[in-house]
């Protein structure tokens, strides 16, 4: 009975007229030894780009999730703590054809691994 001590479930207990079962919060799986217990998923032991972000340089497992450590020249995305992005090293723009085209270069740090060009047409 889920109403009594959460049905013995560590995280969530769900029931219908015939059964009750346990489920786990995000970042956890049901233990193979006890269907009421939840164990941490080690996202970092899994495949990069599937179980943790491909732009995470060094994955660090946490209880219920993960965070990243970034290489020199990169910063951790503070919104997610799960991806690294190049620090803006320099930014410059050119105006062509009487300011009809606006061409900008952004150089992102990290040993020159990322270089982004944007062409914006101003009408």
PDB file of N, CA and C in Angstrom:
ATOM      1  N   UNK A   1       0.853  -1.183   0.000  1.00  0.00           N
ATOM      2  CA  UNK A   1       0.000   0.000   0.000  1.00  0.00           C
ATOM      3  C   UNK A   1       0.895   1.241   0.000  1.00  0.00           C
ATOM      4  N   UNK A   2       0.775   2.063  -1.039  1.00  0.00           N
ATOM      5  CA  UNK A   2       1.629   3.245  -1.178  1.00  0.00           C
ATOM      6  C   UNK A   2       1.395   4.286  -0.088  1.00  0.00           C
ATOM      7  N   UNK A   3       0.246   4.257   0.529  1.00  0.00           N
ATOM      8  CA  UNK A   3      -0.054   5.254   1.565  1.00  0.00           C
ATOM      9  C   UNK A   3       0.685   4.977   2.864  1.00  0.00           C
ATOM     10  N   UNK A   4       1.136   3.755   3.062  1.00  0.00           N
ATOM     11  CA  UNK A   4       1.861   3.391   4.281  1.00  0.00           C
ATOM     12  C   UNK A   4       3.350   3.362   3.967  1.00  0.00           C
ATOM     13  N   UNK A   5       4.071   4.299   4.543  1.00  0.00           N
ATOM     14  CA  UNK A   5       5.526   4.408   4.380  1.00  0.00           C
ATOM     15  C   UNK A   5       5.959   4.321   2.920  1.00  0.00           C
ATOM     16  N   UNK A   6       5.204   4.981   2.046  1.00  0.00           N
ATOM     17  CA  UNK A   6       5.511   5.059   0.615  1.00  0.00           C
ATOM     18  C   UNK A   6       5.648   3.673  -0.018  1.00  0.00           C
ATOM     19  N   UNK A   7       4.931   2.688   0.543  1.00  0.00           N
ATOM     20  CA  UNK A   7       4.979   1.321   0.010  1.00  0.00           C
ATOM     21  C   UNK A   7       6.334   0.662   0.151  1.00  0.00           C
ATOM     22  N   UNK A   8       7.196   1.226   0.982  1.00  0.00           N
ATOM     23  CA  UNK A   8       8.553   0.712   1.132  1.00  0.00           C
ATOM     24  C   UNK A   8       9.497   1.193   0.043  1.00  0.00           C
ATOM     25  N   UNK A   9       8.986   2.030  -0.862  1.00  0.00           N
ATOM     26  CA  UNK A   9       9.802   2.523  -1.974  1.00  0.00           C
ATOM     27  C   UNK A   9      10.721   3.650  -1.522  1.00  0.00           C
ATOM     28  N   UNK A  10      11.929   3.637  -2.033  1.00  0.00           N
ATOM     29  CA  UNK A  10      12.883   4.688  -1.699  1.00  0.00           C
ATOM     30  C   UNK A  10      12.476   6.021  -2.308  1.00  0.00           C
ATOM     31  N   UNK A  11      11.973   6.024  -3.559  1.00  0.00           N
ATOM     32  CA  UNK A  11      11.593   7.272  -4.223  1.00  0.00           C
ATOM     33  C   UNK A  11      10.085   7.368  -4.403  1.00  0.00           C
ATOM     34  N   UNK A  12       9.531   6.805  -5.471  1.00  0.00           N
ATOM     35  CA  UNK A  12       8.088   6.920  -5.713  1.00  0.00           C
ATOM     36  C   UNK A  12       7.413   5.559  -5.662  1.00  0.00           C
ATOM     37  N   UNK A  13       6.186   5.587  -5.165  1.00  0.00           N
ATOM     38  CA  UNK A  13       5.342   4.398  -5.156  1.00  0.00           C
ATOM     39  C   UNK A  13       4.098   4.708  -5.984  1.00  0.00           C
ATOM     40  N   UNK A  14       3.740   3.794  -6.876  1.00  0.00           N
ATOM     41  CA  UNK A  14       2.549   3.944  -7.712  1.00  0.00           C
ATOM     42  C   UNK A  14       1.713   2.683  -7.551  1.00  0.00           C
ATOM     43  N   UNK A  15       0.399   2.857  -7.527  1.00  0.00           N
ATOM     44  CA  UNK A  15      -0.451   1.675  -7.385  1.00  0.00           C
ATOM     45  C   UNK A  15      -1.708   1.804  -8.228  1.00  0.00           C
ATOM     46  N   UNK A  16      -2.250   0.656  -8.585  1.00  0.00           N
ATOM     47  CA  UNK A  16      -3.569   0.589  -9.192  1.00  0.00           C
ATOM     48  C   UNK A  16      -4.376  -0.417  -8.377  1.00  0.00           C
ATOM     49  N   UNK A  17      -5.482  -0.909  -8.884  1.00  0.00           N
ATOM     50  CA  UNK A  17      -6.337  -1.807  -8.096  1.00  0.00           C
ATOM     51  C   UNK A  17      -5.686  -3.155  -7.816  1.00  0.00           C
ATOM     52  N   UNK A  18      -4.748  -3.574  -8.662  1.00  0.00           N
ATOM     53  CA  UNK A  18      -4.137  -4.896  -8.495  1.00  0.00           C
ATOM     54  C   UNK A  18      -2.696  -4.879  -8.007  1.00  0.00           C
ATOM     55  N   UNK A  19      -1.935  -3.857  -8.367  1.00  0.00           N
ATOM     56  CA  UNK A  19      -0.497  -3.869  -8.105  1.00  0.00           C
ATOM     57  C   UNK A  19      -0.013  -2.546  -7.536  1.00  0.00           C
ATOM     58  N   UNK A  20       1.179  -2.620  -7.010  1.00  0.00           N
ATOM     59  CA  UNK A  20       1.931  -1.407  -6.663  1.00  0.00           C
ATOM     60  C   UNK A  20       3.365  -1.636  -7.126  1.00  0.00           C
ATOM     61  N   UNK A  21       4.034  -0.549  -7.470  1.00  0.00           N
ATOM     62  CA  UNK A  21       5.408  -0.667  -7.929  1.00  0.00           C
ATOM     63  C   UNK A  21       6.172   0.604  -7.576  1.00  0.00           C
ATOM     64  N   UNK A  22       7.464   0.456  -7.551  1.00  0.00           N
ATOM     65  CA  UNK A  22       8.351   1.574  -7.221  1.00  0.00           C
ATOM     66  C   UNK A  22       9.001   2.102  -8.494  1.00  0.00           C
ATOM     67  N   UNK A  23       9.295   3.375  -8.490  1.00  0.00           N
ATOM     68  CA  UNK A  23      10.064   3.995  -9.567  1.00  0.00           C
ATOM     69  C   UNK A  23      11.046   4.976  -8.943  1.00  0.00           C
ATOM     70  N   UNK A  24      12.000   5.381  -9.737  1.00  0.00           N
ATOM     71  CA  UNK A  24      13.090   6.217  -9.217  1.00  0.00           C
ATOM     72  C   UNK A  24      13.111   7.585  -9.876  1.00  0.00           C
ATOM     73  N   UNK A  25      13.703   8.540  -9.168  1.00  0.00           N
ATOM     74  CA  UNK A  25      13.907   9.884  -9.700  1.00  0.00           C
ATOM     75  C   UNK A  25      14.885   9.821 -10.876  1.00  0.00           C
ATOM     76  N   UNK A  26      14.917  10.912 -11.653  1.00  0.00           N
ATOM     77  CA  UNK A  26      15.857  11.007 -12.768  1.00  0.00           C
ATOM     78  C   UNK A  26      17.281  10.859 -12.248  1.00  0.00           C
ATOM     79  N   UNK A  27      18.093  10.114 -12.981  1.00  0.00           N
ATOM     80  CA  UNK A  27      19.478   9.882 -12.575  1.00  0.00           C
ATOM     81  C   UNK A  27      19.654   8.631 -11.732  1.00  0.00           C
ATOM     82  N   UNK A  28      18.561   7.896 -11.497  1.00  0.00           N
ATOM     83  CA  UNK A  28      18.588   6.673 -10.693  1.00  0.00           C
ATOM     84  C   UNK A  28      17.863   5.554 -11.435  1.00  0.00           C
ATOM     85  N   UNK A  29      18.222   4.313 -11.116  1.00  0.00           N
ATOM     86  CA  UNK A  29      17.537   3.122 -11.621  1.00  0.00           C
ATOM     87  C   UNK A  29      17.144   2.243 -10.447  1.00  0.00           C
ATOM     88  N   UNK A  30      16.168   1.369 -10.684  1.00  0.00           N
ATOM     89  CA  UNK A  30      15.792   0.377  -9.678  1.00  0.00           C
ATOM     90  C   UNK A  30      16.973  -0.575  -9.475  1.00  0.00           C
ATOM     91  N   UNK A  31      17.259  -0.881  -8.237  1.00  0.00           N
ATOM     92  CA  UNK A  31      18.336  -1.808  -7.916  1.00  0.00           C
ATOM     93  C   UNK A  31      17.984  -3.213  -8.405  1.00  0.00           C
ATOM     94  N   UNK A  32      18.951  -3.938  -8.965  1.00  0.00           N
ATOM     95  CA  UNK A  32      18.671  -5.322  -9.374  1.00  0.00           C
ATOM     96  C   UNK A  32      18.474  -6.256  -8.176  1.00  0.00           C
ATOM     97  N   UNK A  33      18.897  -5.815  -6.991  1.00  0.00           N
ATOM     98  CA  UNK A  33      18.791  -6.644  -5.790  1.00  0.00           C
ATOM     99  C   UNK A  33      17.516  -6.403  -4.990  1.00  0.00           C
ATOM    100  N   UNK A  34      16.915  -5.218  -5.149  1.00  0.00           N
ATOM    101  CA  UNK A  34      15.727  -4.866  -4.364  1.00  0.00           C
ATOM    102  C   UNK A  34      14.881  -3.890  -5.172  1.00  0.00           C
ATOM    103  N   UNK A  35      13.698  -4.299  -5.612  1.00  0.00           N
ATOM    104  CA  UNK A  35      12.846  -3.481  -6.484  1.00  0.00           C
ATOM    105  C   UNK A  35      12.330  -2.211  -5.813  1.00  0.00           C
ATOM    106  N   UNK A  36      12.573  -2.069  -4.516  1.00  0.00           N
ATOM    107  CA  UNK A  36      12.142  -0.855  -3.812  1.00  0.00           C
ATOM    108  C   UNK A  36      13.267   0.167  -3.666  1.00  0.00           C
ATOM    109  N   UNK A  37      14.475  -0.256  -3.944  1.00  0.00           N
ATOM    110  CA  UNK A  37      15.652   0.595  -3.747  1.00  0.00           C
ATOM    111  C   UNK A  37      16.101   1.213  -5.070  1.00  0.00           C
ATOM    112  N   UNK A  38      16.563   2.452  -5.009  1.00  0.00           N
ATOM    113  CA  UNK A  38      17.075   3.155  -6.186  1.00  0.00           C
ATOM    114  C   UNK A  38      18.586   3.322  -6.066  1.00  0.00           C
ATOM    115  N   UNK A  39      19.278   3.099  -7.175  1.00  0.00           N
ATOM    116  CA  UNK A  39      20.731   3.269  -7.188  1.00  0.00           C
ATOM    117  C   UNK A  39      21.104   4.318  -8.233  1.00  0.00           C
ATOM    118  N   UNK A  40      22.181   5.022  -7.961  1.00  0.00           N
ATOM    119  CA  UNK A  40      22.659   6.078  -8.851  1.00  0.00           C
ATOM    120  C   UNK A  40      23.126   5.496 -10.179  1.00  0.00           C
ATOM    121  N   UNK A  41      22.780   6.182 -11.272  1.00  0.00           N
ATOM    122  CA  UNK A  41      23.305   5.838 -12.596  1.00  0.00           C
ATOM    123  C   UNK A  41      24.623   6.593 -12.768  1.00  0.00           C
ATOM    124  N   UNK A  42      25.675   5.894 -13.128  1.00  0.00           N
ATOM    125  CA  UNK A  42      26.956   6.555 -13.403  1.00  0.00           C
ATOM    126  C   UNK A  42      26.989   6.925 -14.882  1.00  0.00           C
ATOM    127  N   UNK A  43      26.505   8.127 -15.196  1.00  0.00           N
ATOM    128  CA  UNK A  43      26.456   8.597 -16.583  1.00  0.00           C
ATOM    129  C   UNK A  43      27.843   8.622 -17.214  1.00  0.00           C
ATOM    130  N   UNK A  44      28.862   8.876 -16.399  1.00  0.00           N
ATOM    131  CA  UNK A  44      30.223   9.017 -16.914  1.00  0.00           C
ATOM    132  C   UNK A  44      30.833   7.684 -17.343  1.00  0.00           C
ATOM    133  N   UNK A  45      30.301   6.580 -16.850  1.00  0.00           N
ATOM    134  CA  UNK A  45      30.803   5.263 -17.238  1.00  0.00           C
ATOM    135  C   UNK A  45      30.195   4.821 -18.564  1.00  0.00           C
ATOM    136  N   UNK A  46      29.229   5.567 -19.045  1.00  0.00           N
ATOM    137  CA  UNK A  46      28.518   5.208 -20.269  1.00  0.00           C
ATOM    138  C   UNK A  46      29.135   5.923 -21.471  1.00  0.00           C
ATOM    139  N   UNK A  47      28.392   6.013 -22.553  1.00  0.00           N
ATOM    140  CA  UNK A  47      28.938   6.538 -23.802  1.00  0.00           C
ATOM    141  C   UNK A  47      28.777   8.047 -23.929  1.00  0.00           C
ATOM    142  N   UNK A  48      29.881   8.706 -24.277  1.00  0.00           N
ATOM    143  CA  UNK A  48      29.884  10.156 -24.494  1.00  0.00           C
ATOM    144  C   UNK A  48      28.965  10.492 -25.670  1.00  0.00           C
ATOM    145  N   UNK A  49      28.156  11.532 -25.502  1.00  0.00           N
ATOM    146  CA  UNK A  49      27.236  11.949 -26.550  1.00  0.00           C
ATOM    147  C   UNK A  49      25.879  11.279 -26.457  1.00  0.00           C
ATOM    148  N   UNK A  50      25.789  10.197 -25.680  1.00  0.00           N
ATOM    149  CA  UNK A  50      24.501   9.537 -25.473  1.00  0.00           C
ATOM    150  C   UNK A  50      24.046   9.683 -24.031  1.00  0.00           C
ATOM    151  N   UNK A  51      24.910   9.290 -23.095  1.00  0.00           N
ATOM    152  CA  UNK A  51      24.544   9.361 -21.684  1.00  0.00           C
ATOM    153  C   UNK A  51      25.056  10.619 -20.999  1.00  0.00           C
ATOM    154  N   UNK A  52      26.009  11.264 -21.604  1.00  0.00           N
ATOM    155  CA  UNK A  52      26.427  12.590 -21.151  1.00  0.00           C
ATOM    156  C   UNK A  52      26.837  13.397 -22.372  1.00  0.00           C
ATOM    157  N   UNK A  53      26.816  14.723 -22.239  1.00  0.00           N
ATOM    158  CA  UNK A  53      26.980  15.639 -23.371  1.00  0.00           C
ATOM    159  C   UNK A  53      28.332  15.459 -24.048  1.00  0.00           C
ATOM    160  N   UNK A  54      28.340  15.441 -25.394  1.00  0.00           N
ATOM    161  CA  UNK A  54      29.593  15.263 -26.130  1.00  0.00           C
ATOM    162  C   UNK A  54      30.543  16.441 -25.965  1.00  0.00           C
ATOM    163  N   UNK A  55      30.039  17.616 -25.546  1.00  0.00           N
ATOM    164  CA  UNK A  55      30.891  18.780 -25.304  1.00  0.00           C
ATOM    165  C   UNK A  55      31.349  18.863 -23.853  1.00  0.00           C
ATOM    166  N   UNK A  56      31.202  17.781 -23.122  1.00  0.00           N
ATOM    167  CA  UNK A  56      31.719  17.678 -21.755  1.00  0.00           C
ATOM    168  C   UNK A  56      33.116  17.071 -21.861  1.00  0.00           C
ATOM    169  N   UNK A  57      34.137  17.802 -21.441  1.00  0.00           N
ATOM    170  CA  UNK A  57      35.510  17.320 -21.599  1.00  0.00           C
ATOM    171  C   UNK A  57      35.850  16.213 -20.613  1.00  0.00           C
ATOM    172  N   UNK A  58      35.616  16.451 -19.328  1.00  0.00           N
ATOM    173  CA  UNK A  58      35.842  15.432 -18.312  1.00  0.00           C
ATOM    174  C   UNK A  58      34.570  15.292 -17.498  1.00  0.00           C
ATOM    175  N   UNK A  59      33.933  14.147 -17.606  1.00  0.00           N
ATOM    176  CA  UNK A  59      32.672  13.891 -16.906  1.00  0.00           C
ATOM    177  C   UNK A  59      32.959  13.510 -15.456  1.00  0.00           C
ATOM    178  N   UNK A  60      32.208  14.099 -14.523  1.00  0.00           N
ATOM    179  CA  UNK A  60      32.334  13.808 -13.098  1.00  0.00           C
ATOM    180  C   UNK A  60      30.966  13.370 -12.595  1.00  0.00           C
ATOM    181  N   UNK A  61      30.862  12.111 -12.177  1.00  0.00           N
ATOM    182  CA  UNK A  61      29.581  11.587 -11.706  1.00  0.00           C
ATOM    183  C   UNK A  61      29.202  12.213 -10.366  1.00  0.00           C
ATOM    184  N   UNK A  62      27.926  12.547 -10.235  1.00  0.00           N
ATOM    185  CA  UNK A  62      27.347  13.038  -8.985  1.00  0.00           C
ATOM    186  C   UNK A  62      26.168  12.136  -8.641  1.00  0.00           C
ATOM    187  N   UNK A  63      25.725  12.159  -7.415  1.00  0.00           N
ATOM    188  CA  UNK A  63      24.543  11.392  -7.036  1.00  0.00           C
ATOM    189  C   UNK A  63      23.336  11.984  -7.758  1.00  0.00           C
ATOM    190  N   UNK A  64      22.739  11.213  -8.653  1.00  0.00           N
ATOM    191  CA  UNK A  64      21.569  11.663  -9.397  1.00  0.00           C
ATOM    192  C   UNK A  64      21.874  12.449 -10.657  1.00  0.00           C
ATOM    193  N   UNK A  65      23.123  12.554 -11.041  1.00  0.00           N
ATOM    194  CA  UNK A  65      23.458  13.323 -12.243  1.00  0.00           C
ATOM    195  C   UNK A  65      24.956  13.354 -12.479  1.00  0.00           C
ATOM    196  N   UNK A  66      25.402  14.381 -13.181  1.00  0.00           N
ATOM    197  CA  UNK A  66      26.829  14.543 -13.452  1.00  0.00           C
ATOM    198  C   UNK A  66      27.124  16.018 -13.698  1.00  0.00           C
ATOM    199  N   UNK A  67      28.396  16.360 -13.648  1.00  0.00           N
ATOM    200  CA  UNK A  67      28.866  17.680 -14.030  1.00  0.00           C
ATOM    201  C   UNK A  67      30.116  17.487 -14.881  1.00  0.00           C
ATOM    202  N   UNK A  68      30.654  18.562 -15.396  1.00  0.00           N
ATOM    203  CA  UNK A  68      31.825  18.482 -16.268  1.00  0.00           C
ATOM    204  C   UNK A  68      32.953  19.349 -15.749  1.00  0.00           C
ATOM    205  N   UNK A  69      34.145  18.949 -16.087  1.00  0.00           N
ATOM    206  CA  UNK A  69      35.316  19.797 -15.937  1.00  0.00           C
ATOM    207  C   UNK A  69      35.780  20.119 -17.349  1.00  0.00           C
ATOM    208  N   UNK A  70      36.201  21.359 -17.559  1.00  0.00           N
ATOM    209  CA  UNK A  70      36.538  21.821 -18.908  1.00  0.00           C
ATOM    210  C   UNK A  70      38.040  22.025 -19.071  1.00  0.00           C
ATOM    211  N   UNK A  71      38.522  21.787 -20.284  1.00  0.00           N
ATOM    212  CA  UNK A  71      39.926  22.015 -20.620  1.00  0.00           C
ATOM    213  C   UNK A  71      40.227  23.512 -20.606  1.00  0.00           C
ATOM    214  N   UNK A  72      41.529  23.849 -20.575  1.00  0.00           N
ATOM    215  CA  UNK A  72      41.946  25.251 -20.647  1.00  0.00           C
ATOM    216  C   UNK A  72      41.388  25.893 -21.908  1.00  0.00           C
ATOM    217  N   UNK A  73      40.926  27.133 -21.788  1.00  0.00           N
ATOM    218  CA  UNK A  73      40.358  27.858 -22.913  1.00  0.00           C
ATOM    219  C   UNK A  73      38.864  27.651 -23.069  1.00  0.00           C
ATOM    220  N   UNK A  74      38.273  26.840 -22.205  1.00  0.00           N
ATOM    221  CA  UNK A  74      36.836  26.573 -22.242  1.00  0.00           C
ATOM    222  C   UNK A  74      36.213  26.920 -20.899  1.00  0.00           C
ATOM    223  N   UNK A  75      34.917  27.179 -20.925  1.00  0.00           N
ATOM    224  CA  UNK A  75      34.164  27.480 -19.704  1.00  0.00           C
ATOM    225  C   UNK A  75      33.010  26.506 -19.572  1.00  0.00           C
ATOM    226  N   UNK A  76      32.624  26.248 -18.332  1.00  0.00           N
ATOM    227  CA  UNK A  76      31.477  25.400 -18.039  1.00  0.00           C
ATOM    228  C   UNK A  76      30.199  26.204 -18.208  1.00  0.00           C
ATOM    229  N   UNK A  77      29.225  25.652 -18.909  1.00  0.00           N
ATOM    230  CA  UNK A  77      27.920  26.299 -19.070  1.00  0.00           C
ATOM    231  C   UNK A  77      27.231  26.308 -17.713  1.00  0.00           C
ATOM    232  N   UNK A  78      27.079  27.479 -17.123  1.00  0.00           N
ATOM    233  CA  UNK A  78      26.530  27.595 -15.771  1.00  0.00           C
ATOM    234  C   UNK A  78      25.047  27.243 -15.702  1.00  0.00           C
ATOM    235  N   UNK A  79      24.352  27.219 -16.832  1.00  0.00           N
ATOM    236  CA  UNK A  79      22.925  26.873 -16.825  1.00  0.00           C
ATOM    237  C   UNK A  79      22.717  25.382 -16.574  1.00  0.00           C
ATOM    238  N   UNK A  80      23.618  24.552 -17.105  1.00  0.00           N
ATOM    239  CA  UNK A  80      23.439  23.103 -16.974  1.00  0.00           C
ATOM    240  C   UNK A  80      24.560  22.416 -16.200  1.00  0.00           C
ATOM    241  N   UNK A  81      25.738  23.018 -16.171  1.00  0.00           N
ATOM    242  CA  UNK A  81      26.953  22.401 -15.619  1.00  0.00           C
ATOM    243  C   UNK A  81      27.277  21.087 -16.317  1.00  0.00           C
ATOM    244  N   UNK A  82      26.813  20.938 -17.578  1.00  0.00           N
ATOM    245  CA  UNK A  82      27.004  19.670 -18.270  1.00  0.00           C
ATOM    246  C   UNK A  82      27.601  19.823 -19.668  1.00  0.00           C
ATOM    247  N   UNK A  83      28.106  20.995 -19.995  1.00  0.00           N
ATOM    248  CA  UNK A  83      28.749  21.182 -21.295  1.00  0.00           C
ATOM    249  C   UNK A  83      29.802  22.285 -21.195  1.00  0.00           C
ATOM    250  N   UNK A  84      30.829  22.184 -22.031  1.00  0.00           N
ATOM    251  CA  UNK A  84      31.897  23.178 -22.070  1.00  0.00           C
ATOM    252  C   UNK A  84      31.805  23.936 -23.388  1.00  0.00           C
ATOM    253  N   UNK A  85      32.107  25.213 -23.346  1.00  0.00           N
ATOM    254  CA  UNK A  85      32.126  25.999 -24.577  1.00  0.00           C
ATOM    255  C   UNK A  85      33.358  26.888 -24.575  1.00  0.00           C
ATOM    256  N   UNK A  86      33.841  27.211 -25.771  1.00  0.00           N
ATOM    257  CA  UNK A  86      35.055  28.011 -25.902  1.00  0.00           C
ATOM    258  C   UNK A  86      34.861  29.428 -25.415  1.00  0.00           C
ATOM    259  N   UNK A  87      35.861  29.927 -24.702  1.00  0.00           N
ATOM    260  CA  UNK A  87      35.835  31.327 -24.281  1.00  0.00           C
ATOM    261  C   UNK A  87      36.027  32.204 -25.510  1.00  0.00           C
ATOM    262  N   UNK A  88      35.336  33.318 -25.553  1.00  0.00           N
ATOM    263  CA  UNK A  88      35.472  34.252 -26.668  1.00  0.00           C
ATOM    264  C   UNK A  88      36.833  34.928 -26.555  1.00  0.00           C
ATOM    265  N   UNK A  89      37.700  34.691 -27.538  1.00  0.00           N
ATOM    266  CA  UNK A  89      39.041  35.257 -27.520  1.00  0.00           C
ATOM    267  C   UNK A  89      39.068  36.577 -28.272  1.00  0.00           C
ATOM    268  N   UNK A  90      38.471  36.611 -29.454  1.00  0.00           N
ATOM    269  CA  UNK A  90      38.340  37.894 -30.128  1.00  0.00           C
ATOM    270  C   UNK A  90      37.122  37.886 -31.037  1.00  0.00           C
ATOM    271  N   UNK A  91      36.715  39.085 -31.407  1.00  0.00           N
ATOM    272  CA  UNK A  91      35.497  39.296 -32.175  1.00  0.00           C
ATOM    273  C   UNK A  91      35.742  40.490 -33.080  1.00  0.00           C
ATOM    274  N   UNK A  92      35.527  40.330 -34.367  1.00  0.00           N
ATOM    275  CA  UNK A  92      35.634  41.494 -35.243  1.00  0.00           C
ATOM    276  C   UNK A  92      34.670  41.338 -36.411  1.00  0.00           C
ATOM    277  N   UNK A  93      34.335  42.474 -36.998  1.00  0.00           N
ATOM    278  CA  UNK A  93      33.344  42.486 -38.072  1.00  0.00           C
ATOM    279  C   UNK A  93      33.835  43.350 -39.230  1.00  0.00           C
ATOM    280  N   UNK A  94      33.350  43.047 -40.403  1.00  0.00           N
ATOM    281  CA  UNK A  94      33.612  43.849 -41.590  1.00  0.00           C
ATOM    282  C   UNK A  94      32.285  44.302 -42.178  1.00  0.00           C
ATOM    283  N   UNK A  95      32.286  45.491 -42.736  1.00  0.00           N
ATOM    284  CA  UNK A  95      31.122  45.980 -43.466  1.00  0.00           C
ATOM    285  C   UNK A  95      31.461  45.960 -44.953  1.00  0.00           C
ATOM    286  N   UNK A  96      30.617  45.345 -45.756  1.00  0.00           N
ATOM    287  CA  UNK A  96      30.819  45.261 -47.197  1.00  0.00           C
ATOM    288  C   UNK A  96      29.655  45.916 -47.924  1.00  0.00           C
ATOM    289  N   UNK A  97      29.926  46.381 -49.150  1.00  0.00           N
ATOM    290  CA  UNK A  97      28.892  46.897 -50.048  1.00  0.00           C
ATOM    291  C   UNK A  97      27.997  47.925 -49.359  1.00  0.00           C
ATOM    292  N   UNK A  98      28.604  48.961 -48.889  1.00  0.00           N
ATOM    293  CA  UNK A  98      27.879  50.069 -48.242  1.00  0.00           C
ATOM    294  C   UNK A  98      26.975  49.569 -47.114  1.00  0.00           C
ATOM    295  N   UNK A  99      27.516  48.705 -46.306  1.00  0.00           N
ATOM    296  CA  UNK A  99      26.841  48.183 -45.119  1.00  0.00           C
ATOM    297  C   UNK A  99      25.639  47.285 -45.430  1.00  0.00           C
ATOM    298  N   UNK A 100      25.626  46.701 -46.614  1.00  0.00           N
ATOM    299  CA  UNK A 100      24.550  45.754 -46.918  1.00  0.00           C
ATOM    300  C   UNK A 100      24.863  44.395 -46.291  1.00  0.00           C
ATOM    301  N   UNK A 101      26.142  44.034 -46.297  1.00  0.00           N
ATOM    302  CA  UNK A 101      26.533  42.780 -45.666  1.00  0.00           C
ATOM    303  C   UNK A 101      27.382  43.074 -44.437  1.00  0.00           C
ATOM    304  N   UNK A 102      27.129  42.345 -43.403  1.00  0.00           N
ATOM    305  CA  UNK A 102      27.814  42.498 -42.131  1.00  0.00           C
ATOM    306  C   UNK A 102      28.451  41.140 -41.833  1.00  0.00           C
ATOM    307  N   UNK A 103      29.770  41.075 -41.904  1.00  0.00           N
ATOM    308  CA  UNK A 103      30.474  39.808 -41.774  1.00  0.00           C
ATOM    309  C   UNK A 103      31.244  39.805 -40.465  1.00  0.00           C
ATOM    310  N   UNK A 104      30.961  38.849 -39.612  1.00  0.00           N
ATOM    311  CA  UNK A 104      31.604  38.804 -38.296  1.00  0.00           C
ATOM    312  C   UNK A 104      32.364  37.500 -38.104  1.00  0.00           C
ATOM    313  N   UNK A 105      33.470  37.607 -37.420  1.00  0.00           N
ATOM    314  CA  UNK A 105      34.248  36.444 -37.019  1.00  0.00           C
ATOM    315  C   UNK A 105      34.269  36.391 -35.498  1.00  0.00           C
ATOM    316  N   UNK A 106      34.037  35.212 -34.972  1.00  0.00           N
ATOM    317  CA  UNK A 106      34.164  34.977 -33.541  1.00  0.00           C
ATOM    318  C   UNK A 106      35.205  33.878 -33.388  1.00  0.00           C
ATOM    319  N   UNK A 107      36.251  34.132 -32.638  1.00  0.00           N
ATOM    320  CA  UNK A 107      37.224  33.080 -32.382  1.00  0.00           C
ATOM    321  C   UNK A 107      37.013  32.593 -30.964  1.00  0.00           C
ATOM    322  N   UNK A 108      36.742  31.304 -30.852  1.00  0.00           N
ATOM    323  CA  UNK A 108      36.517  30.713 -29.546  1.00  0.00           C
ATOM    324  C   UNK A 108      37.780  30.005 -29.103  1.00  0.00           C
ATOM    325  N   UNK A 109      38.065  30.103 -27.831  1.00  0.00           N
ATOM    326  CA  UNK A 109      39.295  29.550 -27.272  1.00  0.00           C
ATOM    327  C   UNK A 109      39.357  28.040 -27.316  1.00  0.00           C
ATOM    328  N   UNK A 110      40.339  27.518 -26.605  1.00  0.00           N
ATOM    329  CA  UNK A 110      40.527  26.082 -26.578  1.00  0.00           C
ATOM    330  C   UNK A 110      41.495  25.625 -27.649  1.00  0.00           C
ATOM    331  N   UNK A 111      42.538  26.396 -27.853  1.00  0.00           N
ATOM    332  CA  UNK A 111      43.558  25.993 -28.808  1.00  0.00           C
ATOM    333  C   UNK A 111      43.110  26.093 -30.252  1.00  0.00           C
ATOM    334  N   UNK A 112      42.144  26.937 -30.524  1.00  0.00           N
ATOM    335  CA  UNK A 112      41.685  27.136 -31.892  1.00  0.00           C
ATOM    336  C   UNK A 112      40.830  26.005 -32.426  1.00  0.00           C
ATOM    337  N   UNK A 113      40.240  25.210 -31.534  1.00  0.00           N
ATOM    338  CA  UNK A 113      39.442  24.070 -31.975  1.00  0.00           C
ATOM    339  C   UNK A 113      38.101  24.474 -32.568  1.00  0.00           C
ATOM    340  N   UNK A 114      37.619  25.629 -32.195  1.00  0.00           N
ATOM    341  CA  UNK A 114      36.326  26.064 -32.721  1.00  0.00           C
ATOM    342  C   UNK A 114      36.471  27.442 -33.344  1.00  0.00           C
ATOM    343  N   UNK A 115      35.995  27.577 -34.558  1.00  0.00           N
ATOM    344  CA  UNK A 115      36.035  28.858 -35.247  1.00  0.00           C
ATOM    345  C   UNK A 115      34.703  29.024 -35.947  1.00  0.00           C
ATOM    346  N   UNK A 116      33.986  30.080 -35.628  1.00  0.00           N
ATOM    347  CA  UNK A 116      32.640  30.281 -36.138  1.00  0.00           C
ATOM    348  C   UNK A 116      32.603  31.542 -36.966  1.00  0.00           C
ATOM    349  N   UNK A 117      32.020  31.449 -38.150  1.00  0.00           N
ATOM    350  CA  UNK A 117      31.837  32.611 -39.016  1.00  0.00           C
ATOM    351  C   UNK A 117      30.349  32.814 -39.231  1.00  0.00           C
ATOM    352  N   UNK A 118      29.938  34.049 -39.229  1.00  0.00           N
ATOM    353  CA  UNK A 118      28.541  34.370 -39.477  1.00  0.00           C
ATOM    354  C   UNK A 118      28.447  35.447 -40.528  1.00  0.00           C
ATOM    355  N   UNK A 119      27.520  35.287 -41.439  1.00  0.00           N
ATOM    356  CA  UNK A 119      27.235  36.296 -42.447  1.00  0.00           C
ATOM    357  C   UNK A 119      25.800  36.743 -42.243  1.00  0.00           C
ATOM    358  N   UNK A 120      25.631  38.009 -41.975  1.00  0.00           N
ATOM    359  CA  UNK A 120      24.307  38.566 -41.714  1.00  0.00           C
ATOM    360  C   UNK A 120      24.017  39.613 -42.773  1.00  0.00           C
ATOM    361  N   UNK A 121      22.903  39.495 -43.435  1.00  0.00           N
ATOM    362  CA  UNK A 121      22.528  40.477 -44.448  1.00  0.00           C
ATOM    363  C   UNK A 121      21.598  41.498 -43.819  1.00  0.00           C
ATOM    364  N   UNK A 122      22.010  42.744 -43.850  1.00  0.00           N
ATOM    365  CA  UNK A 122      21.202  43.836 -43.309  1.00  0.00           C
ATOM    366  C   UNK A 122      20.508  44.546 -44.453  1.00  0.00           C
ATOM    367  N   UNK A 123      19.210  44.609 -44.408  1.00  0.00           N
ATOM    368  CA  UNK A 123      18.444  45.266 -45.483  1.00  0.00           C
ATOM    369  C   UNK A 123      17.736  46.479 -44.927  1.00  0.00           C
TER     370      UNK A 123
END
